[in-house]
Protein backbone atom coordinates (compact mmCIF):
# COMPACT_ATOMS: atom_id res chain seq x y z
CA MET A 1 0.05 0.20 -0.54
CA ARG A 2 0.85 3.67 -0.66
CA ILE A 3 2.04 5.78 1.84
CA GLY A 4 -1.52 8.08 1.77
CA GLU A 5 -3.70 4.68 2.27
CA LEU A 6 -1.31 4.05 5.31
CA SER A 7 -1.69 7.59 6.97
CA GLU A 8 -5.70 7.22 6.57
CA ARG A 9 -5.95 3.79 8.07
CA THR A 10 -3.75 4.27 10.97
CA GLY A 11 -5.35 8.05 11.05
CA THR A 12 -0.72 9.36 11.37
CA PRO A 13 0.11 12.22 9.48
CA ARG A 14 2.26 11.09 6.04
CA ARG A 15 5.23 13.12 7.56
CA LEU A 16 5.51 10.85 10.64
CA LEU A 17 5.31 8.03 8.43
CA ARG A 18 8.45 9.45 7.17
CA TYR A 19 10.31 10.04 10.36
CA TYR A 20 8.97 6.79 11.48
CA GLU A 21 11.17 5.53 8.25
CA GLU A 22 13.90 7.69 8.97
CA GLN A 23 14.16 6.42 12.51
CA GLY A 24 14.41 2.73 11.34
CA LEU A 25 11.19 1.55 12.71
CA ILE A 26 9.08 0.73 9.40
CA VAL A 27 10.73 -0.16 6.43
CA ALA A 28 9.50 0.90 2.91
CA ASP A 29 10.15 -1.10 -0.33
CA ARG A 30 10.54 1.21 -3.39
CA CYS A 31 8.59 1.42 -6.53
CA ALA A 32 9.88 1.83 -10.07
CA ASN A 33 8.50 5.64 -9.86
CA GLY A 34 10.10 6.08 -6.47
CA TYR A 35 6.79 5.47 -4.18
CA ARG A 36 6.96 3.92 -1.07
CA ASN A 37 5.18 0.66 -0.97
CA TYR A 38 4.12 -0.81 2.50
CA ASP A 39 3.04 -4.17 3.55
CA GLU A 40 0.40 -4.94 5.25
CA LEU A 41 1.70 -5.92 8.42
CA TYR A 42 2.57 -1.83 8.90
CA VAL A 43 -1.04 -1.07 10.00
CA ASP A 44 -0.72 -3.10 13.39
CA ARG A 45 2.86 -2.22 13.22
CA VAL A 46 2.70 1.63 12.78
CA ARG A 47 -0.04 1.55 15.36
CA GLN A 48 1.97 -0.12 17.97
CA ILE A 49 4.41 2.84 17.64
CA ARG A 50 2.05 5.16 17.96
CA GLY A 51 1.06 3.75 21.40
CA LEU A 52 4.32 3.36 22.73
CA LEU A 53 4.96 6.86 21.59
CA ASP A 54 1.70 8.29 23.40
CA ALA A 55 2.72 6.47 26.48
CA GLY A 56 6.01 8.50 26.67
CA LEU A 57 9.19 5.79 25.09
CA PRO A 58 11.11 7.50 23.16
CA THR A 59 11.75 6.39 19.54
CA ARG A 60 15.56 5.05 20.48
CA ILE A 61 13.70 2.82 23.24
CA ILE A 62 10.87 1.83 20.46
CA LYS A 63 13.28 0.75 17.93
CA GLN A 64 15.30 -1.58 20.57
CA ILE A 65 12.06 -3.26 21.14
CA LEU A 66 9.69 -2.92 17.80
CA PRO A 67 11.43 -6.65 16.78
CA CYS A 68 10.36 -8.44 19.79
CA LEU A 69 6.60 -7.24 19.57
CA ASP A 70 4.66 -10.13 17.45
CA LYS A 71 0.91 -8.27 18.31
CA PRO A 72 -0.03 -5.76 20.02
CA ARG A 73 0.62 -5.78 23.97
CA ALA A 74 3.07 -9.10 23.79
CA ILE A 75 6.65 -8.32 23.99
CA HIS A 76 9.01 -11.29 23.08
CA PHE A 77 12.63 -10.17 24.20
CA PRO A 78 14.01 -13.31 25.11
CA ASP A 79 17.83 -11.63 24.44
CA ALA A 80 17.21 -8.71 27.05
CA THR A 81 20.15 -7.06 28.76
CA PRO A 82 20.17 -5.55 32.32
CA ASP A 83 20.66 -2.27 30.63
CA MET A 84 17.67 -2.45 28.27
CA LEU A 85 15.74 -4.17 31.98
CA ALA A 86 16.53 -1.01 33.91
CA THR A 87 16.01 1.53 30.89
CA LEU A 88 12.26 -0.14 30.39
CA GLU A 89 11.60 -0.55 34.11
CA GLY A 90 12.11 3.62 34.45
CA GLU A 91 9.94 3.92 31.62
CA ARG A 92 7.57 2.00 33.24
CA ASP A 93 7.95 3.57 36.62
CA ARG A 94 7.74 7.23 34.73
CA MET A 95 4.77 6.23 32.58
CA THR A 96 2.94 5.24 36.25
CA GLU A 97 3.57 8.40 37.44
CA ARG A 98 2.26 10.38 34.39
CA ILE A 99 -0.79 7.84 34.97
CA ASN A 100 -1.14 9.35 37.90
CA CYS A 101 -0.47 13.14 37.42
CA LEU A 102 -3.29 12.26 34.46
CA THR A 103 -6.08 10.75 36.73
CA ARG A 104 -5.09 13.17 38.97
CA ASN A 105 -5.92 16.34 36.96
CA ARG A 106 -9.34 14.00 35.44
CA ASP A 107 -11.06 13.82 38.65
CA ALA A 108 -9.81 17.64 39.32
CA ILE A 109 -11.62 18.50 36.23
CA ALA A 110 -14.86 16.45 36.93
CA GLY A 111 -14.68 17.98 40.21
CA TYR A 112 -15.16 21.78 39.26
CA LEU A 113 -17.70 20.88 36.55
CA ASP A 114 -19.44 19.50 38.74
CA ALA A 115 -19.42 22.17 41.70
CA VAL A 116 -19.93 24.54 38.31
CA ARG A 117 -22.90 22.60 37.07
CA ALA A 118 -24.45 22.09 40.63
CA ARG A 119 -24.02 26.08 40.92
CA ILE A 120 -25.50 27.04 37.96
CA GLY A 121 -27.57 24.35 37.08
CA PRO A 122 -27.95 22.34 33.75
CA VAL A 123 -26.59 23.66 30.71
CA ARG A 124 -29.67 22.42 28.77
CA ASP A 125 -31.97 24.41 31.23
CA ARG A 126 -29.71 27.67 30.09
CA GLU A 127 -30.44 26.76 26.55
CA ALA A 128 -34.22 26.51 26.52
CA THR A 129 -34.90 29.35 28.73
CA PRO A 130 -35.02 32.55 26.23
CA VAL A 131 -32.62 35.62 27.30
CA PRO A 132 -35.13 38.76 27.72
């Protein structure tokens, strides 16, 4: 498939797909006309990359563990070095801290919305009431 189709199917801008290729995260064959041609397996692979990036992993670590990913949410890494394990543990701990922070912020926003709604009443009632 060409880059436009991969972009559409994964929701990933073409610019990012080119960046992933530059970083060695995905590989495209080249057609005679120079266009990129991606194998079907890259639809899932790009989604994995996006998920790992969204989780906060840098591309240098993703590149190291990507060969061990055979399907979403499964990592098989039989020859992990102590340094790699320590790096992944650090990333896991950093993600946990980020999750906790996001949870606190989400809960604070929900509390704020609840307080505002209790004070001003439902938005539907205000929209339905004509303003004099």
